[in-house]
C-alpha atoms as a PDB file:
ATOM      1  CA  MET A   1      -0.027  -0.108   0.100  1.00  0.00           C
ATOM      2  CA  GLY A   2       2.959   2.431   0.920  1.00  0.00           C
ATOM      3  CA  SER A   3       4.347   1.491  -2.512  1.00  0.00           C
ATOM      4  CA  ALA A   4       0.965   2.726  -4.404  1.00  0.00           C
ATOM      5  CA  LYS A   5       0.871   5.996  -2.252  1.00  0.00           C
ATOM      6  CA  ASN A   6       4.422   7.077  -3.266  1.00  0.00           C
ATOM      7  CA  THR A   7       3.668   6.165  -6.723  1.00  0.00           C
ATOM      8  CA  SER A   8       0.510   8.115  -6.836  1.00  0.00           C
ATOM      9  CA  SER A   9       2.321  11.069  -4.931  1.00  0.00           C
ATOM     10  CA  SER A  10       4.991  10.771  -7.535  1.00  0.00           C
ATOM     11  CA  SER A  11       2.757  10.735 -10.407  1.00  0.00           C
ATOM     12  CA  ARG A  12       0.770  14.029  -9.344  1.00  0.00           C
ATOM     13  CA  LYS A  13       4.075  15.721  -8.702  1.00  0.00           C
ATOM     14  CA  ALA A  14       5.253  14.972 -12.335  1.00  0.00           C
ATOM     15  CA  ARG A  15       1.554  16.172 -13.444  1.00  0.00           C
ATOM     16  CA  ILE A  16       2.141  19.275 -11.857  1.00  0.00           C
ATOM     17  CA  GLU A  17       5.413  19.777 -12.994  1.00  0.00           C
ATOM     18  CA  GLU A  18       4.243  19.262 -16.585  1.00  0.00           C
ATOM     19  CA  LEU A  19       1.445  21.733 -16.075  1.00  0.00           C
ATOM     20  CA  ARG A  20       3.862  24.265 -14.780  1.00  0.00           C
ATOM     21  CA  ARG A  21       6.119  23.624 -17.639  1.00  0.00           C
ATOM     22  CA  ALA A  22       3.290  24.138 -19.952  1.00  0.00           C
ATOM     23  CA  GLU A  23       2.420  27.265 -17.995  1.00  0.00           C
ATOM     24  CA  ARG A  24       5.843  28.826 -18.286  1.00  0.00           C
ATOM     25  CA  ALA A  25       5.503  27.859 -22.326  1.00  0.00           C
ATOM     26  CA  ARG A  26       2.445  29.479 -22.548  1.00  0.00           C
ATOM     27  CA  ASP A  27       3.760  32.859 -20.735  1.00  0.00           C
ATOM     28  CA  ARG A  28       6.896  33.022 -22.776  1.00  0.00           C
ATOM     29  CA  ARG A  29       4.794  32.684 -26.021  1.00  0.00           C
ATOM     30  CA  GLY A  30       2.682  35.411 -24.544  1.00  0.00           C
ATOM     31  CA  ARG A  31       5.837  37.706 -23.933  1.00  0.00           C
ATOM     32  CA  ILE A  32       6.885  36.997 -27.436  1.00  0.00           C
ATOM     33  CA  ILE A  33       3.260  37.985 -28.858  1.00  0.00           C
ATOM     34  CA  THR A  34       3.318  41.126 -26.771  1.00  0.00           C
ATOM     35  CA  ILE A  35       6.767  42.460 -27.914  1.00  0.00           C
ATOM     36  CA  THR A  36       6.290  41.572 -31.074  1.00  0.00           C
ATOM     37  CA  LEU A  37       2.782  43.560 -31.664  1.00  0.00           C
ATOM     38  CA  SER A  38       4.211  46.391 -29.598  1.00  0.00           C
ATOM     39  CA  ALA A  39       7.057  46.645 -32.062  1.00  0.00           C
ATOM     40  CA  VAL A  40       4.484  46.525 -35.346  1.00  0.00           C
ATOM     41  CA  VAL A  41       2.456  49.001 -33.279  1.00  0.00           C
ATOM     42  CA  VAL A  42       5.398  51.225 -32.785  1.00  0.00           C
ATOM     43  CA  ALA A  43       6.533  51.038 -36.180  1.00  0.00           C
ATOM     44  CA  GLY A  44       3.462  51.648 -37.600  1.00  0.00           C
ATOM     45  CA  LEU A  45       3.174  54.920 -35.467  1.00  0.00           C
ATOM     46  CA  VAL A  46       6.590  56.029 -36.752  1.00  0.00           C
ATOM     47  CA  VAL A  47       5.659  55.697 -40.187  1.00  0.00           C
ATOM     48  CA  GLY A  48       2.447  57.114 -39.788  1.00  0.00           C
ATOM     49  CA  GLY A  49       3.807  60.176 -38.060  1.00  0.00           C
ATOM     50  CA  VAL A  50       6.406  60.416 -41.158  1.00  0.00           C
ATOM     51  CA  VAL A  51       3.580  60.241 -43.685  1.00  0.00           C
ATOM     52  CA  LEU A  52       1.666  62.785 -41.567  1.00  0.00           C
ATOM     53  CA  PHE A  53       4.435  65.220 -41.351  1.00  0.00           C
ATOM     54  CA  LYS A  54       5.253  64.755 -45.029  1.00  0.00           C
ATOM     55  CA  LYS A  55       1.668  65.566 -46.093  1.00  0.00           C
ATOM     56  CA  ALA A  56       1.569  68.649 -43.687  1.00  0.00           C
ATOM     57  CA  ASP A  57       4.804  69.874 -45.249  1.00  0.00           C
ATOM     58  CA  ASP A  58       3.528  69.401 -48.721  1.00  0.00           C
ATOM     59  CA  SER A  59       0.321  71.154 -47.721  1.00  0.00           C
ATOM     60  CA  ASP A  60       2.225  74.213 -46.824  1.00  0.00           C
ATOM     61  CA  THR A  61       4.224  74.379 -50.123  1.00  0.00           C
ATOM     62  CA  ALA A  62       1.396  73.645 -52.228  1.00  0.00           C
ATOM     63  CA  ALA A  63      -0.677  76.361 -50.699  1.00  0.00           C
ATOM     64  CA  ASP A  64       1.440  79.112 -52.030  1.00  0.00           C
ATOM     65  CA  GLY A  65       1.160  78.014 -55.430  1.00  0.00           C
ATOM     66  CA  LYS A  66      -2.111  77.873 -57.906  1.00  0.00           C
ATOM     67  CA  SER A  67      -3.537  75.363 -55.302  1.00  0.00           C
ATOM     68  CA  ALA A  68      -3.632  77.806 -52.357  1.00  0.00           C
ATOM     69  CA  PRO A  69      -6.784  77.371 -50.174  1.00  0.00           C
ATOM     70  CA  THR A  70     -10.048  79.280 -51.485  1.00  0.00           C
ATOM     71  CA  PHE A  71     -10.921  82.233 -49.949  1.00  0.00           C
ATOM     72  CA  LYS A  72     -14.530  83.491 -48.192  1.00  0.00           C
ATOM     73  CA  THR A  73     -16.057  86.778 -48.861  1.00  0.00           C
ATOM     74  CA  THR A  74     -17.472  88.876 -46.228  1.00  0.00           C
ATOM     75  CA  ALA A  75     -20.947  90.780 -46.170  1.00  0.00           C
ATOM     76  CA  ASP A  76     -19.133  93.924 -46.920  1.00  0.00           C
ATOM     77  CA  GLY A  77     -16.905  92.281 -50.020  1.00  0.00           C
ATOM     78  CA  GLU A  78     -13.819  91.316 -48.128  1.00  0.00           C
ATOM     79  CA  LYS A  79     -11.813  88.426 -49.121  1.00  0.00           C
ATOM     80  CA  VAL A  80     -10.555  86.546 -46.194  1.00  0.00           C
ATOM     81  CA  TRP A  81      -8.323  83.422 -46.865  1.00  0.00           C
ATOM     82  CA  ASP A  82      -7.207  81.003 -43.481  1.00  0.00           C
ATOM     83  CA  ALA A  83      -3.769  82.559 -42.499  1.00  0.00           C
ATOM     84  CA  LYS A  84      -2.473  79.278 -41.265  1.00  0.00           C
ATOM     85  CA  LYS A  85      -2.790  77.502 -44.524  1.00  0.00           C
ATOM     86  CA  LEU A  86      -0.362  80.108 -46.251  1.00  0.00           C
ATOM     87  CA  GLY A  87       2.989  79.159 -46.337  1.00  0.00           C
ATOM     88  CA  ARG A  88       5.547  80.860 -44.615  1.00  0.00           C
ATOM     89  CA  THR A  89       8.593  79.362 -46.151  1.00  0.00           C
ATOM     90  CA  HIS A  90      11.941  81.842 -47.192  1.00  0.00           C
ATOM     91  CA  VAL A  91      12.646  81.034 -50.776  1.00  0.00           C
ATOM     92  CA  THR A  92      14.932  82.245 -53.519  1.00  0.00           C
ATOM     93  CA  LYS A  93      13.015  81.327 -56.417  1.00  0.00           C
ATOM     94  CA  ASP A  94       9.691  82.995 -58.119  1.00  0.00           C
ATOM     95  CA  VAL A  95       6.311  81.794 -56.144  1.00  0.00           C
ATOM     96  CA  SER A  96       3.542  81.320 -58.417  1.00  0.00           C
ATOM     97  CA  TYR A  97       0.579  83.083 -56.248  1.00  0.00           C
ATOM     98  CA  ALA A  98      -3.179  82.134 -56.889  1.00  0.00           C
ATOM     99  CA  MET A  99      -4.071  85.481 -56.017  1.00  0.00           C
ATOM    100  CA  THR A 100      -3.183  89.060 -57.668  1.00  0.00           C
ATOM    101  CA  PRO A 101      -1.925  90.780 -55.712  1.00  0.00           C
ATOM    102  CA  PRO A 102      -0.782  88.010 -53.289  1.00  0.00           C
ATOM    103  CA  VAL A 103      -1.817  87.916 -49.455  1.00  0.00           C
ATOM    104  CA  GLY A 104       0.597  85.741 -48.327  1.00  0.00           C
ATOM    105  CA  GLY A 105       2.575  82.524 -48.990  1.00  0.00           C
ATOM    106  CA  ASP A 106       6.261  81.418 -49.092  1.00  0.00           C
ATOM    107  CA  HIS A 107       8.236  84.228 -49.711  1.00  0.00           C
ATOM    108  CA  ASP A 108      11.833  85.987 -49.939  1.00  0.00           C
ATOM    109  CA  GLN A 109      13.890  86.483 -46.800  1.00  0.00           C
ATOM    110  CA  VAL A 110      14.000  90.026 -47.491  1.00  0.00           C
ATOM    111  CA  TRP A 111      11.022  92.318 -47.281  1.00  0.00           C
ATOM    112  CA  MET A 112      10.286  95.696 -49.103  1.00  0.00           C
ATOM    113  CA  ASN A 113      10.443  98.271 -46.914  1.00  0.00           C
ATOM    114  CA  CYS A 114       7.217  99.202 -45.522  1.00  0.00           C
ATOM    115  CA  ASN A 115       7.467 102.345 -43.424  1.00  0.00           C
ATOM    116  CA  GLY A 116       5.304 104.322 -45.197  1.00  0.00           C
ATOM    117  CA  ASP A 117       7.271 103.513 -48.764  1.00  0.00           C
ATOM    118  CA  VAL A 118       5.529 104.755 -52.235  1.00  0.00           C
ATOM    119  CA  TYR A 119       6.927 103.167 -55.065  1.00  0.00           C
ATOM    120  CA  LYS A 120       6.658 104.156 -58.762  1.00  0.00           C
ATOM    121  CA  ASP A 121       7.229 100.677 -60.309  1.00  0.00           C
ATOM    122  CA  GLU A 122       6.026  97.484 -59.473  1.00  0.00           C
ATOM    123  CA  LEU A 123       7.471  95.268 -56.852  1.00  0.00           C
ATOM    124  CA  PRO A 124       8.641  91.714 -56.483  1.00  0.00           C
ATOM    125  CA  GLU A 125       6.098  89.906 -55.135  1.00  0.00           C
ATOM    126  CA  ARG A 126       7.854  87.729 -52.808  1.00  0.00           C
ATOM    127  CA  ASN A 127       9.232  90.620 -50.973  1.00  0.00           C
ATOM    128  CA  ALA A 128       6.478  92.277 -50.690  1.00  0.00           C
ATOM    129  CA  VAL A 129       4.600  89.200 -49.178  1.00  0.00           C
ATOM    130  CA  HIS A 130       7.319  89.061 -46.869  1.00  0.00           C
ATOM    131  CA  SER A 131       6.201  92.808 -45.658  1.00  0.00           C
ATOM    132  CA  LEU A 132       2.784  91.721 -45.261  1.00  0.00           C
ATOM    133  CA  GLU A 133       3.936  88.861 -42.932  1.00  0.00           C
ATOM    134  CA  HIS A 134       5.318  91.973 -40.704  1.00  0.00           C
ATOM    135  CA  GLY A 135       2.152  93.486 -40.314  1.00  0.00           C
ATOM    136  CA  ALA A 136       1.805  96.016 -43.269  1.00  0.00           C
ATOM    137  CA  VAL A 137      -1.080  96.979 -45.576  1.00  0.00           C
ATOM    138  CA  TRP A 138      -0.277  96.991 -49.376  1.00  0.00           C
ATOM    139  CA  VAL A 139      -1.944  99.343 -51.355  1.00  0.00           C
ATOM    140  CA  THR A 140      -1.951  98.580 -55.051  1.00  0.00           C
ATOM    141  CA  TYR A 141      -3.464  99.876 -58.369  1.00  0.00           C
ATOM    142  CA  ASN A 142      -3.471  99.466 -61.939  1.00  0.00           C
ATOM    143  CA  ASP A 143      -4.020 101.819 -64.937  1.00  0.00           C
ATOM    144  CA  LYS A 144      -7.636 102.468 -64.217  1.00  0.00           C
ATOM    145  CA  ALA A 145      -6.989 104.213 -61.048  1.00  0.00           C
ATOM    146  CA  LYS A 146      -7.726 107.804 -61.073  1.00  0.00           C
ATOM    147  CA  ALA A 147      -4.826 110.312 -60.325  1.00  0.00           C
ATOM    148  CA  ALA A 148      -6.794 112.048 -57.793  1.00  0.00           C
ATOM    149  CA  ASP A 149      -7.283 109.382 -55.906  1.00  0.00           C
ATOM    150  CA  LEU A 150      -3.871 108.071 -56.099  1.00  0.00           C
ATOM    151  CA  LYS A 151      -2.436 111.322 -54.752  1.00  0.00           C
ATOM    152  CA  LYS A 152      -4.444 110.659 -51.393  1.00  0.00           C
ATOM    153  CA  LEU A 153      -3.487 107.577 -51.310  1.00  0.00           C
ATOM    154  CA  GLU A 154       0.042 108.082 -51.368  1.00  0.00           C
ATOM    155  CA  ALA A 155      -0.532 111.008 -48.680  1.00  0.00           C
ATOM    156  CA  LYS A 156      -2.015 108.389 -46.479  1.00  0.00           C
ATOM    157  CA  VAL A 157       0.616 105.572 -46.912  1.00  0.00           C
ATOM    158  CA  LYS A 158       3.508 108.118 -46.290  1.00  0.00           C
ATOM    159  CA  GLN A 159       2.261 109.245 -42.914  1.00  0.00           C
ATOM    160  CA  THR A 160       1.375 105.227 -42.005  1.00  0.00           C
ATOM    161  CA  PRO A 161       4.354 103.168 -40.643  1.00  0.00           C
ATOM    162  CA  TYR A 162       3.664  99.443 -41.594  1.00  0.00           C
ATOM    163  CA  SER A 163       2.228 100.634 -45.400  1.00  0.00           C
ATOM    164  CA  LEU A 164       3.673 100.467 -48.378  1.00  0.00           C
ATOM    165  CA  MET A 165       2.262 101.357 -52.064  1.00  0.00           C
ATOM    166  CA  SER A 166       3.212 100.203 -55.919  1.00  0.00           C
ATOM    167  CA  PRO A 167       1.334  99.661 -59.229  1.00  0.00           C
ATOM    168  CA  VAL A 168       0.184  96.075 -60.090  1.00  0.00           C
ATOM    169  CA  LYS A 169      -0.811  96.234 -63.744  1.00  0.00           C
ATOM    170  CA  ASP A 170      -2.318  92.874 -63.709  1.00  0.00           C
ATOM    171  CA  GLN A 171      -4.685  93.084 -60.858  1.00  0.00           C
ATOM    172  CA  LYS A 172      -8.562  92.930 -61.745  1.00  0.00           C
ATOM    173  CA  ASP A 173      -9.773  96.509 -59.883  1.00  0.00           C
ATOM    174  CA  PRO A 174      -8.222  99.824 -59.778  1.00  0.00           C
ATOM    175  CA  VAL A 175      -7.346 100.027 -56.371  1.00  0.00           C
ATOM    176  CA  MET A 176      -6.900  97.163 -53.925  1.00  0.00           C
ATOM    177  CA  LEU A 177      -5.893  96.724 -50.303  1.00  0.00           C
ATOM    178  CA  SER A 178      -4.105  93.808 -48.949  1.00  0.00           C
ATOM    179  CA  ALA A 179      -2.997  92.348 -45.706  1.00  0.00           C
ATOM    180  CA  TRP A 180      -1.582  89.000 -44.799  1.00  0.00           C
ATOM    181  CA  GLY A 181      -4.461  86.897 -45.590  1.00  0.00           C
ATOM    182  CA  HIS A 182      -7.078  89.882 -46.284  1.00  0.00           C
ATOM    183  CA  GLN A 183      -7.743  91.624 -49.497  1.00  0.00           C
ATOM    184  CA  ARG A 184     -10.674  94.227 -50.737  1.00  0.00           C
ATOM    185  CA  THR A 185     -11.357  96.655 -53.452  1.00  0.00           C
ATOM    186  CA  VAL A 186     -12.413 100.068 -52.660  1.00  0.00           C
ATOM    187  CA  THR A 187     -14.047 102.696 -54.927  1.00  0.00           C
ATOM    188  CA  GLY A 188     -11.021 104.997 -54.372  1.00  0.00           C
ATOM    189  CA  ALA A 189      -9.085 107.110 -51.611  1.00  0.00           C
ATOM    190  CA  SER A 190     -12.414 108.563 -50.126  1.00  0.00           C
ATOM    191  CA  ASP A 191     -13.897 105.035 -49.465  1.00  0.00           C
ATOM    192  CA  PRO A 192     -14.410 104.643 -45.899  1.00  0.00           C
ATOM    193  CA  LYS A 193     -13.464 101.008 -46.042  1.00  0.00           C
ATOM    194  CA  VAL A 194      -9.897 102.536 -46.690  1.00  0.00           C
ATOM    195  CA  ALA A 195      -9.639 103.896 -43.124  1.00  0.00           C
ATOM    196  CA  SER A 196     -11.273 100.928 -41.674  1.00  0.00           C
ATOM    197  CA  PHE A 197      -8.687  98.489 -43.589  1.00  0.00           C
ATOM    198  CA  PHE A 198      -5.712 100.170 -42.181  1.00  0.00           C
ATOM    199  CA  SER A 199      -6.771 100.779 -38.871  1.00  0.00           C
ATOM    200  CA  THR A 200      -7.753  96.785 -38.739  1.00  0.00           C
ATOM    201  CA  TYR A 201      -4.646  95.378 -40.414  1.00  0.00           C
ATOM    202  CA  VAL A 202      -1.761  97.836 -40.025  1.00  0.00           C
ATOM    203  CA  GLN A 203      -0.159  95.524 -37.175  1.00  0.00           C
ATOM    204  CA  GLY A 204      -3.352  93.713 -36.751  1.00  0.00           C
ATOM    205  CA  LYS A 205      -4.234  90.370 -35.363  1.00  0.00           C
ATOM    206  CA  GLN A 206      -3.355  88.754 -38.438  1.00  0.00           C
ATOM    207  CA  THR A 207       0.022  89.741 -38.175  1.00  0.00           C
ATOM    208  CA  PRO A 208       2.292  86.415 -37.963  1.00  0.00           C
ATOM    209  CA  GLU A 209       5.296  88.378 -37.115  1.00  0.00           C
ATOM    210  CA  PRO A 210       3.854  91.499 -35.092  1.00  0.00           C
ATOM    211  CA  GLY A 211       6.674  93.912 -34.402  1.00  0.00           C
ATOM    212  CA  ALA A 212       9.058  92.805 -36.966  1.00  0.00           C
ATOM    213  CA  ALA A 213      10.757  95.490 -38.634  1.00  0.00           C
ATOM    214  CA  CYS A 214       9.385  97.556 -41.999  1.00  0.00           C
ATOM    215  CA  THR A 215      12.890  99.272 -42.685  1.00  0.00           C
ATOM    216  CA  GLY A 216      16.305  97.911 -43.501  1.00  0.00           C
ATOM    217  CA  GLY A 217      14.908  95.784 -46.196  1.00  0.00           C
ATOM    218  CA  LYS A 218      14.829  96.225 -49.996  1.00  0.00           C
ATOM    219  CA  GLY A 219      14.342  99.405 -51.271  1.00  0.00           C
ATOM    220  CA  GLN A 220      13.670 100.140 -55.135  1.00  0.00           C
END
């Protein structure tokens, strides 16, 4: 009888040990699977992050060409672009802006002087856009603008820091006002929207780089 008990006890111990070995094996397999899945998830997140970063970078670049974001028009006729979607990268080559005059986008690293500067010739667009980034208002006109209006607008610009004025022959309307992400047509120098545009956007809330210089840049 004693021998039978010993045999039974040994069998139980052997069975228990076998179960323990199986449990340890399952634990090892579980850890391996967990580590493998974690590695796959991390790799996926890294790749996904790179793709998202690339897409965001591409979006910023594309926003400055012909695929720039569309604008919304306010009830009183002002065109407004999402300023956050206008690129702000410094470039050394020409940019094909989606609007004339441009209201933002990639631009030259040197701004046009905009300390009440009045220019008689057309400006390099990518330098003028940099001035808008500094919070300037850009007054532009074409050959259809009246001489009397231009004289009054010149006087206003000359007495207003963070503003500049120049001809843009290809623009749609005789007189237009532009700031970073904002643009409107005015009927002339006496249009009340001129004063409103200046008071709102000269170093206004739309300015990406408030307080940046409007002197020491490029002059004509």
